[in-house]
Amino acid sequence: MDFQVPNTLAEQIANYLAERIMTGQIRPGERIQEATLANELKVSRASVKEALYTLERWHLVEITPRKGASATKLNADYASELYDVYMHLLMMLAARLCERWQESDKQMMLDAVAQVVEQVKQPAADITAVVEASFGVMEACCKVVDNPYLTEALSNFKPAVSRAYYLSAERYRQGLAQTSQFFSELPQAVLARDADKAQALIRGFAEHQKQLIRQALS
């Protein structure tokens, strides 16, 4: 069994706040008062401050000198910029994946993809479950590629991208057919080691998703 380091108090606070920001309970631009939050959660301000720095790394919080922290704004233009960077990171991941996967990695990757397809096929697809399964594919691919810098960059974008999905869930639901098609075609390109095809699929799918999110947030 692998050794698991327990979440620190600051990490627990960061996860708690991240969920509230991603689901819209803390609105874009809303101030997050350190003292108020520390009192509410019955924790030290130092732990809250550390959590806020984590959220800043996750692109969910903006910390301004002398003004404190606030949830990052989220509008159509912000979401587009966010998704463009995320898309290029995924394209880099796909290129490395085509180069590095081994036969022993094949089943793990296919199982992760099957989880997404299974969630999409549900009669009333749970968007949260679809998004989480999609990230499961990304995490499986990161494990195969084994580039810690790329893995960290993608992991830091995950909360902000999740937030964009959750706040545009109904519009995102309209694109589930494209989601299913994408996850059916991508493994074929990767297993054929066709990096150009894999990257083209990611670019096309990402542009489609970006437009859905832009429409929802406009």
N, C-alpha and C. Protein backbone atom coordinates (compact mmCIF):
# COMPACT_ATOMS: atom_id res chain seq x y z
N MET A 1 0.85 -1.20 0.00
CA MET A 1 0.00 0.00 0.00
C MET A 1 0.88 1.25 0.00
N ASP A 2 0.54 2.23 -0.84
CA ASP A 2 1.31 3.47 -0.90
C ASP A 2 1.07 4.30 0.35
N PHE A 3 2.11 5.01 0.78
CA PHE A 3 1.98 5.90 1.92
C PHE A 3 1.17 7.12 1.51
N GLN A 4 0.16 7.47 2.30
CA GLN A 4 -0.69 8.61 2.01
C GLN A 4 -0.52 9.66 3.10
N VAL A 5 -0.10 10.85 2.71
CA VAL A 5 0.05 11.93 3.68
C VAL A 5 -1.33 12.54 3.93
N PRO A 6 -1.77 12.63 5.18
CA PRO A 6 -3.09 13.21 5.45
C PRO A 6 -3.15 14.67 5.01
N ASN A 7 -4.33 15.11 4.60
CA ASN A 7 -4.51 16.50 4.24
C ASN A 7 -4.23 17.38 5.45
N THR A 8 -3.49 18.45 5.24
CA THR A 8 -3.28 19.41 6.32
C THR A 8 -4.57 20.20 6.54
N LEU A 9 -4.62 20.93 7.64
CA LEU A 9 -5.79 21.76 7.91
C LEU A 9 -5.99 22.78 6.80
N ALA A 10 -4.89 23.37 6.34
CA ALA A 10 -4.99 24.37 5.27
C ALA A 10 -5.55 23.76 3.99
N GLU A 11 -5.15 22.52 3.69
CA GLU A 11 -5.67 21.85 2.49
C GLU A 11 -7.17 21.56 2.63
N GLN A 12 -7.58 21.18 3.84
CA GLN A 12 -9.00 20.94 4.08
C GLN A 12 -9.81 22.22 3.89
N ILE A 13 -9.27 23.33 4.38
CA ILE A 13 -9.94 24.62 4.22
C ILE A 13 -9.99 25.00 2.74
N ALA A 14 -8.88 24.78 2.04
CA ALA A 14 -8.83 25.11 0.61
C ALA A 14 -9.86 24.30 -0.17
N ASN A 15 -9.97 23.01 0.12
CA ASN A 15 -10.96 22.17 -0.57
C ASN A 15 -12.38 22.61 -0.26
N TYR A 16 -12.62 22.99 0.99
CA TYR A 16 -13.95 23.47 1.40
C TYR A 16 -14.32 24.74 0.64
N LEU A 17 -13.39 25.68 0.58
CA LEU A 17 -13.65 26.94 -0.13
C LEU A 17 -13.75 26.71 -1.63
N ALA A 18 -12.91 25.81 -2.16
CA ALA A 18 -12.93 25.54 -3.60
C ALA A 18 -14.30 25.04 -4.03
N GLU A 19 -14.87 24.14 -3.24
CA GLU A 19 -16.20 23.62 -3.58
C GLU A 19 -17.24 24.74 -3.57
N ARG A 20 -17.15 25.64 -2.61
CA ARG A 20 -18.11 26.75 -2.53
C ARG A 20 -17.94 27.71 -3.70
N ILE A 21 -16.71 27.92 -4.12
CA ILE A 21 -16.47 28.82 -5.26
C ILE A 21 -16.92 28.15 -6.56
N MET A 22 -16.56 26.87 -6.73
CA MET A 22 -16.89 26.16 -7.97
C MET A 22 -18.39 26.03 -8.19
N THR A 23 -19.14 25.87 -7.09
CA THR A 23 -20.58 25.69 -7.21
C THR A 23 -21.35 27.01 -7.13
N GLY A 24 -20.63 28.13 -7.02
CA GLY A 24 -21.29 29.43 -7.03
C GLY A 24 -21.81 29.91 -5.69
N GLN A 25 -21.55 29.16 -4.61
CA GLN A 25 -21.98 29.64 -3.29
C GLN A 25 -21.20 30.88 -2.89
N ILE A 26 -19.94 30.93 -3.32
CA ILE A 26 -19.15 32.17 -3.24
C ILE A 26 -19.11 32.72 -4.66
N ARG A 27 -19.67 33.88 -4.86
CA ARG A 27 -19.85 34.41 -6.21
C ARG A 27 -18.55 35.01 -6.76
N PRO A 28 -18.40 35.04 -8.10
CA PRO A 28 -17.24 35.68 -8.70
C PRO A 28 -17.08 37.12 -8.21
N GLY A 29 -15.89 37.47 -7.79
CA GLY A 29 -15.62 38.81 -7.30
C GLY A 29 -15.92 39.02 -5.82
N GLU A 30 -16.56 38.06 -5.18
CA GLU A 30 -16.93 38.21 -3.76
C GLU A 30 -15.69 38.16 -2.87
N ARG A 31 -15.62 39.08 -1.90
CA ARG A 31 -14.50 39.13 -0.97
C ARG A 31 -14.56 37.94 -0.01
N ILE A 32 -13.40 37.46 0.36
CA ILE A 32 -13.28 36.38 1.35
C ILE A 32 -12.51 36.95 2.53
N GLN A 33 -13.21 37.19 3.63
CA GLN A 33 -12.61 37.81 4.80
C GLN A 33 -11.91 36.76 5.65
N GLU A 34 -10.60 36.92 5.82
CA GLU A 34 -9.83 35.95 6.60
C GLU A 34 -10.38 35.79 8.02
N ALA A 35 -10.59 36.91 8.70
CA ALA A 35 -11.00 36.86 10.10
C ALA A 35 -12.38 36.22 10.24
N THR A 36 -13.30 36.59 9.37
CA THR A 36 -14.65 36.05 9.41
C THR A 36 -14.63 34.54 9.17
N LEU A 37 -13.85 34.13 8.17
CA LEU A 37 -13.78 32.71 7.83
C LEU A 37 -13.13 31.91 8.96
N ALA A 38 -12.06 32.47 9.54
CA ALA A 38 -11.38 31.78 10.64
C ALA A 38 -12.33 31.59 11.81
N ASN A 39 -13.13 32.60 12.09
CA ASN A 39 -14.10 32.51 13.19
C ASN A 39 -15.19 31.50 12.86
N GLU A 40 -15.66 31.50 11.61
CA GLU A 40 -16.72 30.58 11.18
C GLU A 40 -16.28 29.13 11.29
N LEU A 41 -15.03 28.86 10.86
CA LEU A 41 -14.52 27.49 10.84
C LEU A 41 -13.80 27.10 12.14
N LYS A 42 -13.62 28.11 13.02
CA LYS A 42 -12.92 27.88 14.30
C LYS A 42 -11.50 27.36 14.05
N VAL A 43 -10.79 28.09 13.18
CA VAL A 43 -9.40 27.77 12.86
C VAL A 43 -8.58 29.05 12.95
N SER A 44 -7.27 28.94 12.84
CA SER A 44 -6.42 30.12 12.92
C SER A 44 -6.42 30.88 11.60
N ARG A 45 -6.14 32.18 11.69
CA ARG A 45 -6.05 32.98 10.46
C ARG A 45 -4.87 32.51 9.61
N ALA A 46 -3.82 31.99 10.25
CA ALA A 46 -2.66 31.51 9.50
C ALA A 46 -3.05 30.35 8.58
N SER A 47 -3.92 29.46 9.07
CA SER A 47 -4.38 28.32 8.25
C SER A 47 -5.24 28.81 7.09
N VAL A 48 -6.08 29.82 7.37
CA VAL A 48 -6.92 30.39 6.32
C VAL A 48 -6.05 31.05 5.26
N LYS A 49 -5.05 31.79 5.70
CA LYS A 49 -4.16 32.47 4.75
C LYS A 49 -3.44 31.47 3.85
N GLU A 50 -2.96 30.39 4.45
CA GLU A 50 -2.29 29.35 3.67
C GLU A 50 -3.25 28.73 2.65
N ALA A 51 -4.50 28.51 3.07
CA ALA A 51 -5.50 27.96 2.16
C ALA A 51 -5.77 28.90 0.99
N LEU A 52 -5.79 30.19 1.27
CA LEU A 52 -6.05 31.18 0.21
C LEU A 52 -4.93 31.20 -0.82
N TYR A 53 -3.69 31.00 -0.36
CA TYR A 53 -2.58 30.93 -1.31
C TYR A 53 -2.71 29.70 -2.21
N THR A 54 -3.21 28.60 -1.65
CA THR A 54 -3.46 27.41 -2.47
C THR A 54 -4.54 27.70 -3.51
N LEU A 55 -5.60 28.37 -3.10
CA LEU A 55 -6.69 28.70 -4.02
C LEU A 55 -6.23 29.67 -5.11
N GLU A 56 -5.28 30.53 -4.76
CA GLU A 56 -4.72 31.42 -5.77
C GLU A 56 -3.97 30.61 -6.82
N ARG A 57 -3.23 29.59 -6.38
CA ARG A 57 -2.52 28.72 -7.32
C ARG A 57 -3.49 27.94 -8.20
N TRP A 58 -4.69 27.66 -7.66
CA TRP A 58 -5.72 26.96 -8.42
C TRP A 58 -6.55 27.89 -9.29
N HIS A 59 -6.21 29.17 -9.33
CA HIS A 59 -6.90 30.17 -10.16
C HIS A 59 -8.35 30.40 -9.72
N LEU A 60 -8.64 30.17 -8.44
CA LEU A 60 -9.99 30.40 -7.91
C LEU A 60 -10.07 31.67 -7.08
N VAL A 61 -8.93 32.15 -6.62
CA VAL A 61 -8.90 33.33 -5.75
C VAL A 61 -7.84 34.30 -6.26
N GLU A 62 -8.14 35.58 -6.14
CA GLU A 62 -7.18 36.63 -6.46
C GLU A 62 -6.84 37.35 -5.17
N ILE A 63 -5.56 37.46 -4.88
CA ILE A 63 -5.12 38.14 -3.65
C ILE A 63 -4.46 39.45 -4.05
N THR A 64 -5.01 40.55 -3.55
CA THR A 64 -4.52 41.88 -3.87
C THR A 64 -3.95 42.53 -2.61
N PRO A 65 -2.73 43.07 -2.70
CA PRO A 65 -2.15 43.72 -1.53
C PRO A 65 -3.07 44.80 -0.95
N ARG A 66 -3.22 44.79 0.36
CA ARG A 66 -4.03 45.76 1.13
C ARG A 66 -5.54 45.61 0.90
N LYS A 67 -5.94 44.73 -0.03
CA LYS A 67 -7.37 44.52 -0.25
C LYS A 67 -7.81 43.11 0.14
N GLY A 68 -6.86 42.18 0.19
CA GLY A 68 -7.20 40.82 0.58
C GLY A 68 -7.61 39.94 -0.58
N ALA A 69 -8.35 38.91 -0.26
CA ALA A 69 -8.69 37.89 -1.24
C ALA A 69 -10.13 38.00 -1.71
N SER A 70 -10.36 37.63 -2.96
CA SER A 70 -11.71 37.56 -3.50
C SER A 70 -11.74 36.46 -4.54
N ALA A 71 -12.92 35.88 -4.74
CA ALA A 71 -13.08 34.85 -5.77
C ALA A 71 -12.80 35.47 -7.13
N THR A 72 -12.04 34.78 -7.95
CA THR A 72 -11.72 35.33 -9.27
C THR A 72 -12.99 35.54 -10.08
N LYS A 73 -12.97 36.56 -10.89
CA LYS A 73 -14.12 36.84 -11.73
C LYS A 73 -14.25 35.75 -12.79
N LEU A 74 -15.46 35.51 -13.22
CA LEU A 74 -15.67 34.49 -14.25
C LEU A 74 -16.72 35.01 -15.23
N ASN A 75 -16.25 35.43 -16.38
CA ASN A 75 -17.15 35.82 -17.46
C ASN A 75 -16.70 35.10 -18.72
N ALA A 76 -17.36 35.38 -19.82
CA ALA A 76 -17.08 34.65 -21.06
C ALA A 76 -15.63 34.82 -21.51
N ASP A 77 -15.11 36.04 -21.41
CA ASP A 77 -13.73 36.28 -21.86
C ASP A 77 -12.72 35.58 -20.96
N TYR A 78 -12.95 35.66 -19.64
CA TYR A 78 -12.05 34.99 -18.70
C TYR A 78 -12.05 33.49 -18.95
N ALA A 79 -13.23 32.92 -19.14
CA ALA A 79 -13.33 31.48 -19.38
C ALA A 79 -12.61 31.07 -20.66
N SER A 80 -12.69 31.91 -21.68
CA SER A 80 -12.01 31.62 -22.95
C SER A 80 -10.50 31.58 -22.77
N GLU A 81 -9.97 32.58 -22.05
CA GLU A 81 -8.53 32.63 -21.82
C GLU A 81 -8.08 31.41 -21.01
N LEU A 82 -8.85 31.09 -20.00
CA LEU A 82 -8.56 29.93 -19.16
C LEU A 82 -8.54 28.66 -19.99
N TYR A 83 -9.56 28.47 -20.80
CA TYR A 83 -9.69 27.23 -21.56
C TYR A 83 -8.64 27.12 -22.65
N ASP A 84 -8.21 28.26 -23.23
CA ASP A 84 -7.16 28.22 -24.25
C ASP A 84 -5.87 27.65 -23.68
N VAL A 85 -5.49 28.12 -22.50
CA VAL A 85 -4.25 27.64 -21.88
C VAL A 85 -4.39 26.16 -21.51
N TYR A 86 -5.53 25.81 -20.94
CA TYR A 86 -5.79 24.42 -20.56
C TYR A 86 -5.75 23.50 -21.78
N MET A 87 -6.32 23.96 -22.89
CA MET A 87 -6.33 23.18 -24.13
C MET A 87 -4.91 22.89 -24.60
N HIS A 88 -4.04 23.88 -24.55
CA HIS A 88 -2.67 23.67 -25.03
C HIS A 88 -1.89 22.74 -24.10
N LEU A 89 -2.18 22.79 -22.82
CA LEU A 89 -1.57 21.83 -21.90
C LEU A 89 -2.03 20.41 -22.22
N LEU A 90 -3.32 20.24 -22.52
CA LEU A 90 -3.84 18.92 -22.88
C LEU A 90 -3.24 18.42 -24.20
N MET A 91 -3.02 19.33 -25.13
CA MET A 91 -2.41 18.93 -26.40
C MET A 91 -0.97 18.47 -26.18
N MET A 92 -0.26 19.14 -25.28
CA MET A 92 1.09 18.72 -24.94
C MET A 92 1.07 17.33 -24.29
N LEU A 93 0.08 17.13 -23.40
CA LEU A 93 -0.07 15.84 -22.74
C LEU A 93 -0.32 14.74 -23.78
N ALA A 94 -1.18 15.02 -24.74
CA ALA A 94 -1.51 14.02 -25.77
C ALA A 94 -0.29 13.65 -26.59
N ALA A 95 0.52 14.64 -26.94
CA ALA A 95 1.72 14.37 -27.73
C ALA A 95 2.68 13.46 -26.96
N ARG A 96 2.89 13.76 -25.68
CA ARG A 96 3.78 12.94 -24.85
C ARG A 96 3.20 11.53 -24.66
N LEU A 97 1.88 11.47 -24.53
CA LEU A 97 1.22 10.19 -24.31
C LEU A 97 1.42 9.27 -25.51
N CYS A 98 1.28 9.82 -26.71
CA CYS A 98 1.47 9.03 -27.92
C CYS A 98 2.89 8.48 -28.00
N GLU A 99 3.85 9.23 -27.48
CA GLU A 99 5.24 8.80 -27.51
C GLU A 99 5.54 7.72 -26.46
N ARG A 100 4.91 7.83 -25.30
CA ARG A 100 5.41 7.10 -24.13
C ARG A 100 4.57 5.91 -23.65
N TRP A 101 3.32 5.80 -24.10
CA TRP A 101 2.51 4.73 -23.52
C TRP A 101 3.07 3.36 -23.89
N GLN A 102 2.91 2.44 -22.94
CA GLN A 102 3.35 1.06 -23.14
C GLN A 102 2.13 0.14 -23.09
N GLU A 103 2.30 -1.08 -23.54
CA GLU A 103 1.18 -2.02 -23.57
C GLU A 103 0.57 -2.21 -22.17
N SER A 104 1.41 -2.13 -21.14
CA SER A 104 0.92 -2.29 -19.77
C SER A 104 0.04 -1.13 -19.31
N ASP A 105 0.10 0.00 -20.02
CA ASP A 105 -0.71 1.18 -19.68
C ASP A 105 -2.08 1.15 -20.34
N LYS A 106 -2.22 0.33 -21.36
CA LYS A 106 -3.38 0.37 -22.24
C LYS A 106 -4.70 0.19 -21.49
N GLN A 107 -4.81 -0.83 -20.66
CA GLN A 107 -6.07 -1.12 -19.99
C GLN A 107 -6.47 -0.02 -19.03
N MET A 108 -5.50 0.53 -18.30
CA MET A 108 -5.81 1.62 -17.37
C MET A 108 -6.41 2.81 -18.10
N MET A 109 -5.83 3.15 -19.24
CA MET A 109 -6.34 4.29 -20.01
C MET A 109 -7.73 4.01 -20.56
N LEU A 110 -7.92 2.81 -21.09
CA LEU A 110 -9.22 2.46 -21.66
C LEU A 110 -10.30 2.41 -20.58
N ASP A 111 -9.94 1.93 -19.39
CA ASP A 111 -10.91 1.88 -18.28
C ASP A 111 -11.34 3.29 -17.88
N ALA A 112 -10.38 4.22 -17.87
CA ALA A 112 -10.70 5.61 -17.51
C ALA A 112 -11.65 6.23 -18.54
N VAL A 113 -11.39 5.97 -19.82
CA VAL A 113 -12.26 6.47 -20.89
C VAL A 113 -13.65 5.85 -20.78
N ALA A 114 -13.70 4.56 -20.48
CA ALA A 114 -14.99 3.86 -20.36
C ALA A 114 -15.86 4.47 -19.27
N GLN A 115 -15.23 4.98 -18.22
CA GLN A 115 -15.98 5.62 -17.13
C GLN A 115 -16.71 6.87 -17.63
N VAL A 116 -16.05 7.64 -18.49
CA VAL A 116 -16.69 8.84 -19.05
C VAL A 116 -17.87 8.44 -19.93
N VAL A 117 -17.63 7.51 -20.84
CA VAL A 117 -18.68 7.09 -21.76
C VAL A 117 -19.88 6.53 -21.00
N GLU A 118 -19.62 5.80 -19.93
CA GLU A 118 -20.69 5.23 -19.11
C GLU A 118 -21.52 6.34 -18.46
N GLN A 119 -20.85 7.36 -17.94
CA GLN A 119 -21.56 8.48 -17.30
C GLN A 119 -22.40 9.26 -18.31
N VAL A 120 -21.86 9.45 -19.51
CA VAL A 120 -22.58 10.20 -20.55
C VAL A 120 -23.83 9.46 -20.99
N LYS A 121 -23.78 8.13 -20.98
CA LYS A 121 -24.91 7.33 -21.45
C LYS A 121 -26.06 7.23 -20.45
N GLN A 122 -25.84 7.69 -19.23
CA GLN A 122 -26.90 7.63 -18.23
C GLN A 122 -28.12 8.44 -18.70
N PRO A 123 -29.35 7.98 -18.45
CA PRO A 123 -30.56 8.68 -18.92
C PRO A 123 -30.59 10.16 -18.54
N ALA A 124 -30.24 10.46 -17.30
CA ALA A 124 -30.14 11.86 -16.88
C ALA A 124 -28.71 12.07 -16.39
N ALA A 125 -27.82 12.31 -17.33
CA ALA A 125 -26.40 12.37 -17.01
C ALA A 125 -26.10 13.41 -15.93
N ASP A 126 -25.35 12.99 -14.93
CA ASP A 126 -24.91 13.86 -13.86
C ASP A 126 -23.66 14.60 -14.34
N ILE A 127 -23.78 15.91 -14.57
CA ILE A 127 -22.67 16.68 -15.13
C ILE A 127 -21.44 16.60 -14.24
N THR A 128 -21.66 16.65 -12.93
CA THR A 128 -20.53 16.56 -12.00
C THR A 128 -19.79 15.25 -12.20
N ALA A 129 -20.53 14.15 -12.35
CA ALA A 129 -19.91 12.84 -12.54
C ALA A 129 -19.18 12.77 -13.88
N VAL A 130 -19.75 13.38 -14.92
CA VAL A 130 -19.10 13.38 -16.23
C VAL A 130 -17.79 14.15 -16.17
N VAL A 131 -17.83 15.32 -15.53
CA VAL A 131 -16.63 16.16 -15.42
C VAL A 131 -15.55 15.42 -14.63
N GLU A 132 -15.93 14.83 -13.51
CA GLU A 132 -14.95 14.12 -12.68
C GLU A 132 -14.36 12.93 -13.44
N ALA A 133 -15.19 12.21 -14.19
CA ALA A 133 -14.68 11.09 -14.98
C ALA A 133 -13.73 11.57 -16.08
N SER A 134 -14.04 12.73 -16.65
CA SER A 134 -13.17 13.30 -17.68
C SER A 134 -11.79 13.63 -17.10
N PHE A 135 -11.81 14.21 -15.89
CA PHE A 135 -10.54 14.49 -15.24
C PHE A 135 -9.81 13.19 -14.88
N GLY A 136 -10.57 12.13 -14.65
CA GLY A 136 -9.96 10.83 -14.38
C GLY A 136 -9.13 10.36 -15.56
N VAL A 137 -9.60 10.64 -16.77
CA VAL A 137 -8.83 10.30 -17.97
C VAL A 137 -7.53 11.11 -18.00
N MET A 138 -7.66 12.41 -17.73
CA MET A 138 -6.47 13.27 -17.71
C MET A 138 -5.45 12.76 -16.70
N GLU A 139 -5.92 12.38 -15.51
CA GLU A 139 -5.01 11.92 -14.46
C GLU A 139 -4.34 10.60 -14.83
N ALA A 140 -5.09 9.72 -15.48
CA ALA A 140 -4.50 8.46 -15.94
C ALA A 140 -3.41 8.71 -16.98
N CYS A 141 -3.67 9.65 -17.88
CA CYS A 141 -2.69 9.99 -18.91
C CYS A 141 -1.45 10.64 -18.29
N CYS A 142 -1.66 11.48 -17.28
CA CYS A 142 -0.53 12.11 -16.59
C CYS A 142 0.35 11.05 -15.92
N LYS A 143 -0.28 10.04 -15.39
CA LYS A 143 0.45 8.95 -14.74
C LYS A 143 1.35 8.24 -15.74
N VAL A 144 0.84 8.04 -16.95
CA VAL A 144 1.62 7.36 -17.99
C VAL A 144 2.76 8.25 -18.47
N VAL A 145 2.46 9.52 -18.70
CA VAL A 145 3.47 10.44 -19.25
C VAL A 145 4.57 10.71 -18.23
N ASP A 146 4.18 10.80 -16.96
CA ASP A 146 5.15 10.94 -15.87
C ASP A 146 6.03 12.18 -16.02
N ASN A 147 5.39 13.31 -16.29
CA ASN A 147 6.09 14.61 -16.32
C ASN A 147 5.54 15.43 -15.16
N PRO A 148 6.28 15.57 -14.05
CA PRO A 148 5.73 16.24 -12.87
C PRO A 148 5.34 17.69 -13.10
N TYR A 149 6.03 18.36 -13.99
CA TYR A 149 5.73 19.77 -14.25
C TYR A 149 4.40 19.91 -14.98
N LEU A 150 4.21 19.06 -15.98
CA LEU A 150 2.96 19.08 -16.73
C LEU A 150 1.80 18.64 -15.85
N THR A 151 2.03 17.62 -15.03
CA THR A 151 0.98 17.14 -14.12
C THR A 151 0.57 18.23 -13.14
N GLU A 152 1.55 18.95 -12.59
CA GLU A 152 1.24 20.03 -11.65
C GLU A 152 0.45 21.14 -12.32
N ALA A 153 0.87 21.52 -13.53
CA ALA A 153 0.17 22.59 -14.25
C ALA A 153 -1.27 22.22 -14.52
N LEU A 154 -1.50 21.00 -14.99
CA LEU A 154 -2.86 20.55 -15.27
C LEU A 154 -3.68 20.44 -14.00
N SER A 155 -3.08 19.95 -12.93
CA SER A 155 -3.79 19.82 -11.66
C SER A 155 -4.22 21.18 -11.12
N ASN A 156 -3.38 22.18 -11.29
CA ASN A 156 -3.72 23.52 -10.81
C ASN A 156 -4.85 24.15 -11.61
N PHE A 157 -5.03 23.72 -12.86
CA PHE A 157 -6.12 24.25 -13.67
C PHE A 157 -7.45 23.54 -13.42
N LYS A 158 -7.39 22.34 -12.86
CA LYS A 158 -8.59 21.53 -12.70
C LYS A 158 -9.72 22.25 -11.94
N PRO A 159 -9.47 22.88 -10.78
CA PRO A 159 -10.58 23.53 -10.08
C PRO A 159 -11.24 24.66 -10.87
N ALA A 160 -10.43 25.47 -11.55
CA ALA A 160 -10.99 26.59 -12.30
C ALA A 160 -11.80 26.11 -13.50
N VAL A 161 -11.31 25.07 -14.17
CA VAL A 161 -12.04 24.51 -15.31
C VAL A 161 -13.33 23.86 -14.82
N SER A 162 -13.26 23.16 -13.69
CA SER A 162 -14.46 22.55 -13.10
C SER A 162 -15.50 23.61 -12.80
N ARG A 163 -15.04 24.73 -12.27
CA ARG A 163 -15.95 25.83 -11.93
C ARG A 163 -16.69 26.32 -13.17
N ALA A 164 -15.96 26.48 -14.27
CA ALA A 164 -16.60 26.92 -15.52
C ALA A 164 -17.66 25.93 -15.97
N TYR A 165 -17.36 24.64 -15.84
CA TYR A 165 -18.34 23.61 -16.21
C TYR A 165 -19.57 23.66 -15.31
N TYR A 166 -19.34 23.72 -14.00
CA TYR A 166 -20.46 23.66 -13.06
C TYR A 166 -21.40 24.86 -13.23
N LEU A 167 -20.83 26.03 -13.49
CA LEU A 167 -21.65 27.23 -13.61
C LEU A 167 -22.32 27.34 -14.98
N SER A 168 -21.99 26.43 -15.88
CA SER A 168 -22.64 26.41 -17.19
C SER A 168 -23.16 25.01 -17.48
N ALA A 169 -23.61 24.33 -16.44
CA ALA A 169 -23.95 22.90 -16.53
C ALA A 169 -25.01 22.61 -17.58
N GLU A 170 -26.08 23.40 -17.62
CA GLU A 170 -27.16 23.10 -18.56
C GLU A 170 -26.70 23.26 -20.01
N ARG A 171 -25.89 24.28 -20.26
CA ARG A 171 -25.36 24.47 -21.61
C ARG A 171 -24.39 23.32 -21.93
N TYR A 172 -23.59 22.93 -20.96
CA TYR A 172 -22.64 21.83 -21.15
C TYR A 172 -23.38 20.54 -21.46
N ARG A 173 -24.56 20.37 -20.85
CA ARG A 173 -25.35 19.15 -21.08
C ARG A 173 -25.70 19.00 -22.56
N GLN A 174 -25.84 20.13 -23.26
CA GLN A 174 -26.20 20.08 -24.67
C GLN A 174 -25.07 19.50 -25.53
N GLY A 175 -23.86 19.47 -24.99
CA GLY A 175 -22.73 18.98 -25.76
C GLY A 175 -22.30 17.57 -25.41
N LEU A 176 -23.16 16.82 -24.72
CA LEU A 176 -22.77 15.49 -24.28
C LEU A 176 -22.55 14.51 -25.44
N ALA A 177 -23.27 14.70 -26.54
CA ALA A 177 -23.06 13.81 -27.70
C ALA A 177 -21.65 13.99 -28.23
N GLN A 178 -21.18 15.24 -28.28
CA GLN A 178 -19.81 15.51 -28.74
C GLN A 178 -18.79 14.96 -27.75
N THR A 179 -19.15 15.01 -26.46
CA THR A 179 -18.26 14.47 -25.43
C THR A 179 -18.07 12.97 -25.63
N SER A 180 -19.17 12.27 -25.87
CA SER A 180 -19.12 10.83 -26.09
C SER A 180 -18.29 10.50 -27.34
N GLN A 181 -18.51 11.25 -28.40
CA GLN A 181 -17.77 11.01 -29.65
C GLN A 181 -16.27 11.26 -29.46
N PHE A 182 -15.96 12.33 -28.76
CA PHE A 182 -14.55 12.67 -28.52
C PHE A 182 -13.84 11.54 -27.78
N PHE A 183 -14.46 11.06 -26.70
CA PHE A 183 -13.82 10.02 -25.90
C PHE A 183 -13.85 8.65 -26.58
N SER A 184 -14.61 8.53 -27.63
CA SER A 184 -14.58 7.30 -28.43
C SER A 184 -13.45 7.35 -29.46
N GLU A 185 -13.17 8.55 -29.97
CA GLU A 185 -12.17 8.69 -31.03
C GLU A 185 -10.75 8.90 -30.51
N LEU A 186 -10.63 9.57 -29.35
CA LEU A 186 -9.29 9.89 -28.84
C LEU A 186 -8.43 8.66 -28.57
N PRO A 187 -8.97 7.61 -27.92
CA PRO A 187 -8.12 6.43 -27.66
C PRO A 187 -7.57 5.80 -28.94
N GLN A 188 -8.35 5.83 -30.02
CA GLN A 188 -7.89 5.25 -31.28
C GLN A 188 -6.65 5.97 -31.78
N ALA A 189 -6.68 7.32 -31.67
CA ALA A 189 -5.53 8.11 -32.12
C ALA A 189 -4.31 7.86 -31.24
N VAL A 190 -4.54 7.80 -29.93
CA VAL A 190 -3.41 7.59 -29.00
C VAL A 190 -2.79 6.21 -29.20
N LEU A 191 -3.63 5.19 -29.31
CA LEU A 191 -3.11 3.83 -29.46
C LEU A 191 -2.40 3.64 -30.81
N ALA A 192 -2.78 4.46 -31.79
CA ALA A 192 -2.09 4.43 -33.09
C ALA A 192 -0.85 5.31 -33.08
N ARG A 193 -0.60 5.97 -31.93
CA ARG A 193 0.52 6.91 -31.76
C ARG A 193 0.46 8.03 -32.79
N ASP A 194 -0.75 8.44 -33.12
CA ASP A 194 -0.96 9.53 -34.08
C ASP A 194 -1.15 10.83 -33.30
N ALA A 195 -0.04 11.48 -32.95
CA ALA A 195 -0.08 12.69 -32.12
C ALA A 195 -0.84 13.82 -32.81
N ASP A 196 -0.65 13.95 -34.13
CA ASP A 196 -1.34 15.02 -34.85
C ASP A 196 -2.86 14.85 -34.76
N LYS A 197 -3.32 13.62 -34.94
CA LYS A 197 -4.77 13.36 -34.87
C LYS A 197 -5.28 13.60 -33.45
N ALA A 198 -4.54 13.13 -32.46
CA ALA A 198 -4.95 13.31 -31.07
C ALA A 198 -5.05 14.79 -30.71
N GLN A 199 -4.07 15.56 -31.13
CA GLN A 199 -4.08 16.99 -30.84
C GLN A 199 -5.20 17.71 -31.58
N ALA A 200 -5.47 17.28 -32.81
CA ALA A 200 -6.56 17.89 -33.58
C ALA A 200 -7.91 17.60 -32.91
N LEU A 201 -8.08 16.38 -32.40
CA LEU A 201 -9.31 16.04 -31.69
C LEU A 201 -9.48 16.89 -30.44
N ILE A 202 -8.40 17.07 -29.70
CA ILE A 202 -8.46 17.89 -28.48
C ILE A 202 -8.78 19.33 -28.83
N ARG A 203 -8.13 19.87 -29.86
CA ARG A 203 -8.40 21.26 -30.24
C ARG A 203 -9.86 21.44 -30.66
N GLY A 204 -10.37 20.53 -31.47
CA GLY A 204 -11.75 20.65 -31.93
C GLY A 204 -12.75 20.54 -30.80
N PHE A 205 -12.52 19.58 -29.91
CA PHE A 205 -13.42 19.38 -28.78
C PHE A 205 -13.34 20.56 -27.82
N ALA A 206 -12.13 21.04 -27.56
CA ALA A 206 -11.96 22.16 -26.64
C ALA A 206 -12.61 23.43 -27.18
N GLU A 207 -12.49 23.67 -28.47
CA GLU A 207 -13.11 24.86 -29.06
C GLU A 207 -14.63 24.78 -28.95
N HIS A 208 -15.17 23.58 -29.15
CA HIS A 208 -16.62 23.39 -29.01
C HIS A 208 -17.06 23.64 -27.57
N GLN A 209 -16.32 23.07 -26.61
CA GLN A 209 -16.64 23.26 -25.20
C GLN A 209 -16.53 24.73 -24.80
N LYS A 210 -15.51 25.37 -25.32
CA LYS A 210 -15.30 26.78 -24.99
C LYS A 210 -16.47 27.63 -25.45
N GLN A 211 -16.99 27.33 -26.63
CA GLN A 211 -18.14 28.10 -27.13
C GLN A 211 -19.38 27.87 -26.27
N LEU A 212 -19.59 26.63 -25.81
CA LEU A 212 -20.73 26.36 -24.94
C LEU A 212 -20.61 27.16 -23.64
N ILE A 213 -19.41 27.17 -23.08
CA ILE A 213 -19.18 27.91 -21.82
C ILE A 213 -19.34 29.41 -22.04
N ARG A 214 -18.81 29.92 -23.16
CA ARG A 214 -18.95 31.35 -23.46
C ARG A 214 -20.44 31.73 -23.56
N GLN A 215 -21.21 30.91 -24.26
CA GLN A 215 -22.63 31.20 -24.40
C GLN A 215 -23.34 31.20 -23.06
N ALA A 216 -22.95 30.27 -22.20
CA ALA A 216 -23.60 30.18 -20.88
C ALA A 216 -23.26 31.37 -20.00
N LEU A 217 -22.04 31.89 -20.14
CA LEU A 217 -21.59 32.96 -19.25
C LEU A 217 -21.79 34.36 -19.83
N SER A 218 -22.18 34.43 -21.08
CA SER A 218 -22.38 35.75 -21.71
C SER A 218 -23.58 36.45 -21.09
